């Protein structure tokens, strides 16, 4: 299963969820995208957002933390 973790920086318990996802890596493909980092940057690159959207479209499960 392709799992996508979108880190928004909105949830205080995000580290617990991330740790659980890391344990799933031997049996599932887990990709993590730090959207909070995108938002902190002043000059957002369209290419970075395009990669995030492409990852969302191809994953089987999206977890937003």
PDB file of N, CA and C in Angstrom:
ATOM      1  N   UNK A   1       0.845  -1.166   0.000  1.00  0.00           N
ATOM      2  CA  UNK A   1       0.000   0.000   0.000  1.00  0.00           C
ATOM      3  C   UNK A   1       0.900   1.241   0.000  1.00  0.00           C
ATOM      4  N   UNK A   2       0.527   2.223  -0.783  1.00  0.00           N
ATOM      5  CA  UNK A   2       1.230   3.502  -0.818  1.00  0.00           C
ATOM      6  C   UNK A   2       0.554   4.461   0.159  1.00  0.00           C
ATOM      7  N   UNK A   3       1.302   4.871   1.182  1.00  0.00           N
ATOM      8  CA  UNK A   3       0.777   5.758   2.208  1.00  0.00           C
ATOM      9  C   UNK A   3       1.511   7.088   2.117  1.00  0.00           C
ATOM     10  N   UNK A   4       0.753   8.165   2.151  1.00  0.00           N
ATOM     11  CA  UNK A   4       1.323   9.505   2.105  1.00  0.00           C
ATOM     12  C   UNK A   4       1.024  10.218   3.415  1.00  0.00           C
ATOM     13  N   UNK A   5       2.064  10.722   4.044  1.00  0.00           N
ATOM     14  CA  UNK A   5       1.934  11.507   5.263  1.00  0.00           C
ATOM     15  C   UNK A   5       2.134  12.978   4.900  1.00  0.00           C
ATOM     16  N   UNK A   6       1.111  13.777   5.128  1.00  0.00           N
ATOM     17  CA  UNK A   6       1.209  15.216   4.888  1.00  0.00           C
ATOM     18  C   UNK A   6       1.344  15.903   6.239  1.00  0.00           C
ATOM     19  N   UNK A   7       2.492  16.478   6.488  1.00  0.00           N
ATOM     20  CA  UNK A   7       2.733  17.164   7.751  1.00  0.00           C
ATOM     21  C   UNK A   7       2.345  18.631   7.587  1.00  0.00           C
ATOM     22  N   UNK A   8       1.267  19.019   8.255  1.00  0.00           N
ATOM     23  CA  UNK A   8       0.780  20.401   8.166  1.00  0.00           C
ATOM     24  C   UNK A   8       1.242  21.249   9.339  1.00  0.00           C
ATOM     25  N   UNK A   9       1.731  20.607  10.395  1.00  0.00           N
ATOM     26  CA  UNK A   9       2.141  21.338  11.580  1.00  0.00           C
ATOM     27  C   UNK A   9       0.970  21.735  12.465  1.00  0.00           C
ATOM     28  N   UNK A  10      -0.219  21.203  12.206  1.00  0.00           N
ATOM     29  CA  UNK A  10      -1.414  21.594  12.950  1.00  0.00           C
ATOM     30  C   UNK A  10      -1.719  20.698  14.152  1.00  0.00           C
ATOM     31  N   UNK A  11      -1.163  19.498  14.188  1.00  0.00           N
ATOM     32  CA  UNK A  11      -1.525  18.548  15.229  1.00  0.00           C
ATOM     33  C   UNK A  11      -0.375  18.341  16.207  1.00  0.00           C
ATOM     34  N   UNK A  12      -0.615  18.537  17.494  1.00  0.00           N
ATOM     35  CA  UNK A  12       0.460  18.433  18.478  1.00  0.00           C
ATOM     36  C   UNK A  12       0.999  17.013  18.651  1.00  0.00           C
ATOM     37  N   UNK A  13       0.223  15.996  18.299  1.00  0.00           N
ATOM     38  CA  UNK A  13       0.662  14.616  18.467  1.00  0.00           C
ATOM     39  C   UNK A  13       1.193  14.020  17.166  1.00  0.00           C
ATOM     40  N   UNK A  14       1.633  14.860  16.273  1.00  0.00           N
ATOM     41  CA  UNK A  14       2.091  14.398  14.955  1.00  0.00           C
ATOM     42  C   UNK A  14       3.274  13.441  15.058  1.00  0.00           C
ATOM     43  N   UNK A  15       4.148  13.637  16.011  1.00  0.00           N
ATOM     44  CA  UNK A  15       5.330  12.766  16.136  1.00  0.00           C
ATOM     45  C   UNK A  15       4.938  11.322  16.428  1.00  0.00           C
ATOM     46  N   UNK A  16       3.872  11.124  17.185  1.00  0.00           N
ATOM     47  CA  UNK A  16       3.407   9.771  17.485  1.00  0.00           C
ATOM     48  C   UNK A  16       2.913   9.081  16.217  1.00  0.00           C
ATOM     49  N   UNK A  17       2.156   9.803  15.419  1.00  0.00           N
ATOM     50  CA  UNK A  17       1.645   9.237  14.162  1.00  0.00           C
ATOM     51  C   UNK A  17       2.807   8.951  13.211  1.00  0.00           C
ATOM     52  N   UNK A  18       3.750   9.865  13.124  1.00  0.00           N
ATOM     53  CA  UNK A  18       4.920   9.654  12.258  1.00  0.00           C
ATOM     54  C   UNK A  18       5.710   8.426  12.676  1.00  0.00           C
ATOM     55  N   UNK A  19       5.881   8.250  13.971  1.00  0.00           N
ATOM     56  CA  UNK A  19       6.605   7.078  14.471  1.00  0.00           C
ATOM     57  C   UNK A  19       5.871   5.790  14.100  1.00  0.00           C
ATOM     58  N   UNK A  20       4.552   5.799  14.200  1.00  0.00           N
ATOM     59  CA  UNK A  20       3.769   4.617  13.823  1.00  0.00           C
ATOM     60  C   UNK A  20       3.908   4.329  12.333  1.00  0.00           C
ATOM     61  N   UNK A  21       3.904   5.370  11.531  1.00  0.00           N
ATOM     62  CA  UNK A  21       4.073   5.177  10.083  1.00  0.00           C
ATOM     63  C   UNK A  21       5.453   4.623   9.753  1.00  0.00           C
ATOM     64  N   UNK A  22       6.486   5.044  10.470  1.00  0.00           N
ATOM     65  CA  UNK A  22       7.840   4.524  10.232  1.00  0.00           C
ATOM     66  C   UNK A  22       7.884   3.019  10.497  1.00  0.00           C
ATOM     67  N   UNK A  23       7.094   2.548  11.447  1.00  0.00           N
ATOM     68  CA  UNK A  23       7.060   1.112  11.739  1.00  0.00           C
ATOM     69  C   UNK A  23       6.374   0.333  10.621  1.00  0.00           C
ATOM     70  N   UNK A  24       5.586   0.996   9.822  1.00  0.00           N
ATOM     71  CA  UNK A  24       4.882   0.338   8.720  1.00  0.00           C
ATOM     72  C   UNK A  24       5.744   0.237   7.464  1.00  0.00           C
ATOM     73  N   UNK A  25       6.879   0.913   7.450  1.00  0.00           N
ATOM     74  CA  UNK A  25       7.700   0.963   6.234  1.00  0.00           C
ATOM     75  C   UNK A  25       8.184  -0.388   5.724  1.00  0.00           C
ATOM     76  N   UNK A  26       8.444  -1.378   6.582  1.00  0.00           N
ATOM     77  CA  UNK A  26       8.883  -2.663   6.003  1.00  0.00           C
ATOM     78  C   UNK A  26       7.829  -3.329   5.110  1.00  0.00           C
ATOM     79  N   UNK A  27       6.554  -3.057   5.357  1.00  0.00           N
ATOM     80  CA  UNK A  27       5.511  -3.728   4.574  1.00  0.00           C
ATOM     81  C   UNK A  27       4.747  -2.791   3.646  1.00  0.00           C
ATOM     82  N   UNK A  28       4.892  -1.485   3.839  1.00  0.00           N
ATOM     83  CA  UNK A  28       4.189  -0.509   3.025  1.00  0.00           C
ATOM     84  C   UNK A  28       5.151   0.583   2.577  1.00  0.00           C
ATOM     85  N   UNK A  29       4.823   1.203   1.474  1.00  0.00           N
ATOM     86  CA  UNK A  29       5.613   2.351   0.996  1.00  0.00           C
ATOM     87  C   UNK A  29       5.041   3.598   1.663  1.00  0.00           C
ATOM     88  N   UNK A  30       5.858   4.277   2.463  1.00  0.00           N
ATOM     89  CA  UNK A  30       5.419   5.464   3.185  1.00  0.00           C
ATOM     90  C   UNK A  30       6.237   6.655   2.699  1.00  0.00           C
ATOM     91  N   UNK A  31       5.539   7.659   2.199  1.00  0.00           N
ATOM     92  CA  UNK A  31       6.185   8.897   1.762  1.00  0.00           C
ATOM     93  C   UNK A  31       5.703  10.024   2.672  1.00  0.00           C
ATOM     94  N   UNK A  32       6.612  10.905   3.011  1.00  0.00           N
ATOM     95  CA  UNK A  32       6.266  12.019   3.892  1.00  0.00           C
ATOM     96  C   UNK A  32       6.574  13.331   3.180  1.00  0.00           C
ATOM     97  N   UNK A  33       5.613  14.249   3.224  1.00  0.00           N
ATOM     98  CA  UNK A  33       5.804  15.576   2.644  1.00  0.00           C
ATOM     99  C   UNK A  33       5.519  16.600   3.730  1.00  0.00           C
ATOM    100  N   UNK A  34       6.454  17.494   3.948  1.00  0.00           N
ATOM    101  CA  UNK A  34       6.322  18.514   4.985  1.00  0.00           C
ATOM    102  C   UNK A  34       5.710  19.778   4.387  1.00  0.00           C
ATOM    103  N   UNK A  35       4.386  19.844   4.394  1.00  0.00           N
ATOM    104  CA  UNK A  35       3.697  21.024   3.861  1.00  0.00           C
ATOM    105  C   UNK A  35       3.954  22.254   4.723  1.00  0.00           C
ATOM    106  N   UNK A  36       4.177  22.047   6.014  1.00  0.00           N
ATOM    107  CA  UNK A  36       4.457  23.170   6.909  1.00  0.00           C
ATOM    108  C   UNK A  36       5.723  23.903   6.456  1.00  0.00           C
ATOM    109  N   UNK A  37       6.703  23.171   5.972  1.00  0.00           N
ATOM    110  CA  UNK A  37       7.926  23.797   5.477  1.00  0.00           C
ATOM    111  C   UNK A  37       7.646  24.618   4.218  1.00  0.00           C
ATOM    112  N   UNK A  38       6.759  24.102   3.363  1.00  0.00           N
ATOM    113  CA  UNK A  38       6.380  24.865   2.167  1.00  0.00           C
ATOM    114  C   UNK A  38       5.778  26.206   2.568  1.00  0.00           C
ATOM    115  N   UNK A  39       4.915  26.174   3.564  1.00  0.00           N
ATOM    116  CA  UNK A  39       4.203  27.383   3.979  1.00  0.00           C
ATOM    117  C   UNK A  39       5.111  28.384   4.684  1.00  0.00           C
ATOM    118  N   UNK A  40       6.166  27.897   5.335  1.00  0.00           N
ATOM    119  CA  UNK A  40       7.102  28.796   6.025  1.00  0.00           C
ATOM    120  C   UNK A  40       7.976  29.582   5.042  1.00  0.00           C
ATOM    121  N   UNK A  41       8.188  29.001   3.877  1.00  0.00           N
ATOM    122  CA  UNK A  41       9.029  29.682   2.879  1.00  0.00           C
ATOM    123  C   UNK A  41       8.273  30.844   2.257  1.00  0.00           C
ATOM    124  N   UNK A  42       8.984  31.889   1.980  1.00  0.00           N
ATOM    125  CA  UNK A  42       8.352  33.082   1.392  1.00  0.00           C
ATOM    126  C   UNK A  42       8.115  32.930  -0.113  1.00  0.00           C
ATOM    127  N   UNK A  43       9.056  32.313  -0.805  1.00  0.00           N
ATOM    128  CA  UNK A  43       8.906  32.154  -2.257  1.00  0.00           C
ATOM    129  C   UNK A  43       8.570  30.693  -2.557  1.00  0.00           C
ATOM    130  N   UNK A  44       7.300  30.396  -2.561  1.00  0.00           N
ATOM    131  CA  UNK A  44       6.851  29.036  -2.816  1.00  0.00           C
ATOM    132  C   UNK A  44       7.067  28.682  -4.280  1.00  0.00           C
ATOM    133  N   UNK A  45       7.616  27.525  -4.506  1.00  0.00           N
ATOM    134  CA  UNK A  45       7.870  27.069  -5.864  1.00  0.00           C
ATOM    135  C   UNK A  45       6.710  26.195  -6.327  1.00  0.00           C
ATOM    136  N   UNK A  46       6.216  26.476  -7.510  1.00  0.00           N
ATOM    137  CA  UNK A  46       5.128  25.671  -8.069  1.00  0.00           C
ATOM    138  C   UNK A  46       5.528  24.213  -8.201  1.00  0.00           C
ATOM    139  N   UNK A  47       6.797  23.980  -8.471  1.00  0.00           N
ATOM    140  CA  UNK A  47       7.290  22.618  -8.660  1.00  0.00           C
ATOM    141  C   UNK A  47       7.102  21.781  -7.384  1.00  0.00           C
ATOM    142  N   UNK A  48       7.350  22.374  -6.234  1.00  0.00           N
ATOM    143  CA  UNK A  48       7.188  21.655  -4.969  1.00  0.00           C
ATOM    144  C   UNK A  48       5.719  21.305  -4.732  1.00  0.00           C
ATOM    145  N   UNK A  49       4.839  22.238  -5.006  1.00  0.00           N
ATOM    146  CA  UNK A  49       3.405  21.974  -4.854  1.00  0.00           C
ATOM    147  C   UNK A  49       2.937  20.936  -5.861  1.00  0.00           C
ATOM    148  N   UNK A  50       3.468  20.972  -7.071  1.00  0.00           N
ATOM    149  CA  UNK A  50       3.112  19.981  -8.090  1.00  0.00           C
ATOM    150  C   UNK A  50       3.506  18.583  -7.642  1.00  0.00           C
ATOM    151  N   UNK A  51       4.687  18.445  -7.019  1.00  0.00           N
ATOM    152  CA  UNK A  51       5.129  17.143  -6.516  1.00  0.00           C
ATOM    153  C   UNK A  51       4.193  16.654  -5.416  1.00  0.00           C
ATOM    154  N   UNK A  52       3.767  17.563  -4.543  1.00  0.00           N
ATOM    155  CA  UNK A  52       2.846  17.186  -3.463  1.00  0.00           C
ATOM    156  C   UNK A  52       1.511  16.711  -4.034  1.00  0.00           C
ATOM    157  N   UNK A  53       0.994  17.424  -4.991  1.00  0.00           N
ATOM    158  CA  UNK A  53      -0.288  17.036  -5.596  1.00  0.00           C
ATOM    159  C   UNK A  53      -0.161  15.706  -6.326  1.00  0.00           C
ATOM    160  N   UNK A  54       0.931  15.504  -7.030  1.00  0.00           N
ATOM    161  CA  UNK A  54       1.144  14.234  -7.728  1.00  0.00           C
ATOM    162  C   UNK A  54       1.196  13.079  -6.729  1.00  0.00           C
ATOM    163  N   UNK A  55       1.842  13.281  -5.588  1.00  0.00           N
ATOM    164  CA  UNK A  55       1.921  12.237  -4.567  1.00  0.00           C
ATOM    165  C   UNK A  55       0.539  11.927  -4.000  1.00  0.00           C
ATOM    166  N   UNK A  56      -0.282  12.950  -3.802  1.00  0.00           N
ATOM    167  CA  UNK A  56      -1.642  12.745  -3.298  1.00  0.00           C
ATOM    168  C   UNK A  56      -2.452  11.913  -4.288  1.00  0.00           C
ATOM    169  N   UNK A  57      -2.286  12.182  -5.565  1.00  0.00           N
ATOM    170  CA  UNK A  57      -3.078  11.483  -6.582  1.00  0.00           C
ATOM    171  C   UNK A  57      -2.715  10.009  -6.727  1.00  0.00           C
ATOM    172  N   UNK A  58      -1.475   9.643  -6.461  1.00  0.00           N
ATOM    173  CA  UNK A  58      -1.066   8.251  -6.678  1.00  0.00           C
ATOM    174  C   UNK A  58      -1.092   7.399  -5.413  1.00  0.00           C
ATOM    175  N   UNK A  59      -1.283   8.003  -4.244  1.00  0.00           N
ATOM    176  CA  UNK A  59      -1.252   7.217  -3.024  1.00  0.00           C
ATOM    177  C   UNK A  59      -2.582   6.496  -2.802  1.00  0.00           C
ATOM    178  N   UNK A  60      -2.520   5.439  -1.993  1.00  0.00           N
ATOM    179  CA  UNK A  60      -3.719   4.699  -1.620  1.00  0.00           C
ATOM    180  C   UNK A  60      -4.370   5.290  -0.362  1.00  0.00           C
ATOM    181  N   UNK A  61      -3.551   5.902   0.485  1.00  0.00           N
ATOM    182  CA  UNK A  61      -4.028   6.447   1.755  1.00  0.00           C
ATOM    183  C   UNK A  61      -3.250   7.713   2.071  1.00  0.00           C
ATOM    184  N   UNK A  62      -3.968   8.776   2.386  1.00  0.00           N
ATOM    185  CA  UNK A  62      -3.339  10.024   2.789  1.00  0.00           C
ATOM    186  C   UNK A  62      -3.650  10.284   4.260  1.00  0.00           C
ATOM    187  N   UNK A  63      -2.602  10.505   5.036  1.00  0.00           N
ATOM    188  CA  UNK A  63      -2.754  10.829   6.446  1.00  0.00           C
ATOM    189  C   UNK A  63      -2.233  12.234   6.645  1.00  0.00           C
ATOM    190  N   UNK A  64      -3.096  13.115   7.109  1.00  0.00           N
ATOM    191  CA  UNK A  64      -2.728  14.516   7.321  1.00  0.00           C
ATOM    192  C   UNK A  64      -2.529  14.745   8.813  1.00  0.00           C
ATOM    193  N   UNK A  65      -1.329  15.203   9.144  1.00  0.00           N
ATOM    194  CA  UNK A  65      -1.039  15.472  10.559  1.00  0.00           C
ATOM    195  C   UNK A  65      -0.561  16.900  10.732  1.00  0.00           C
TER     196      UNK A  65
END
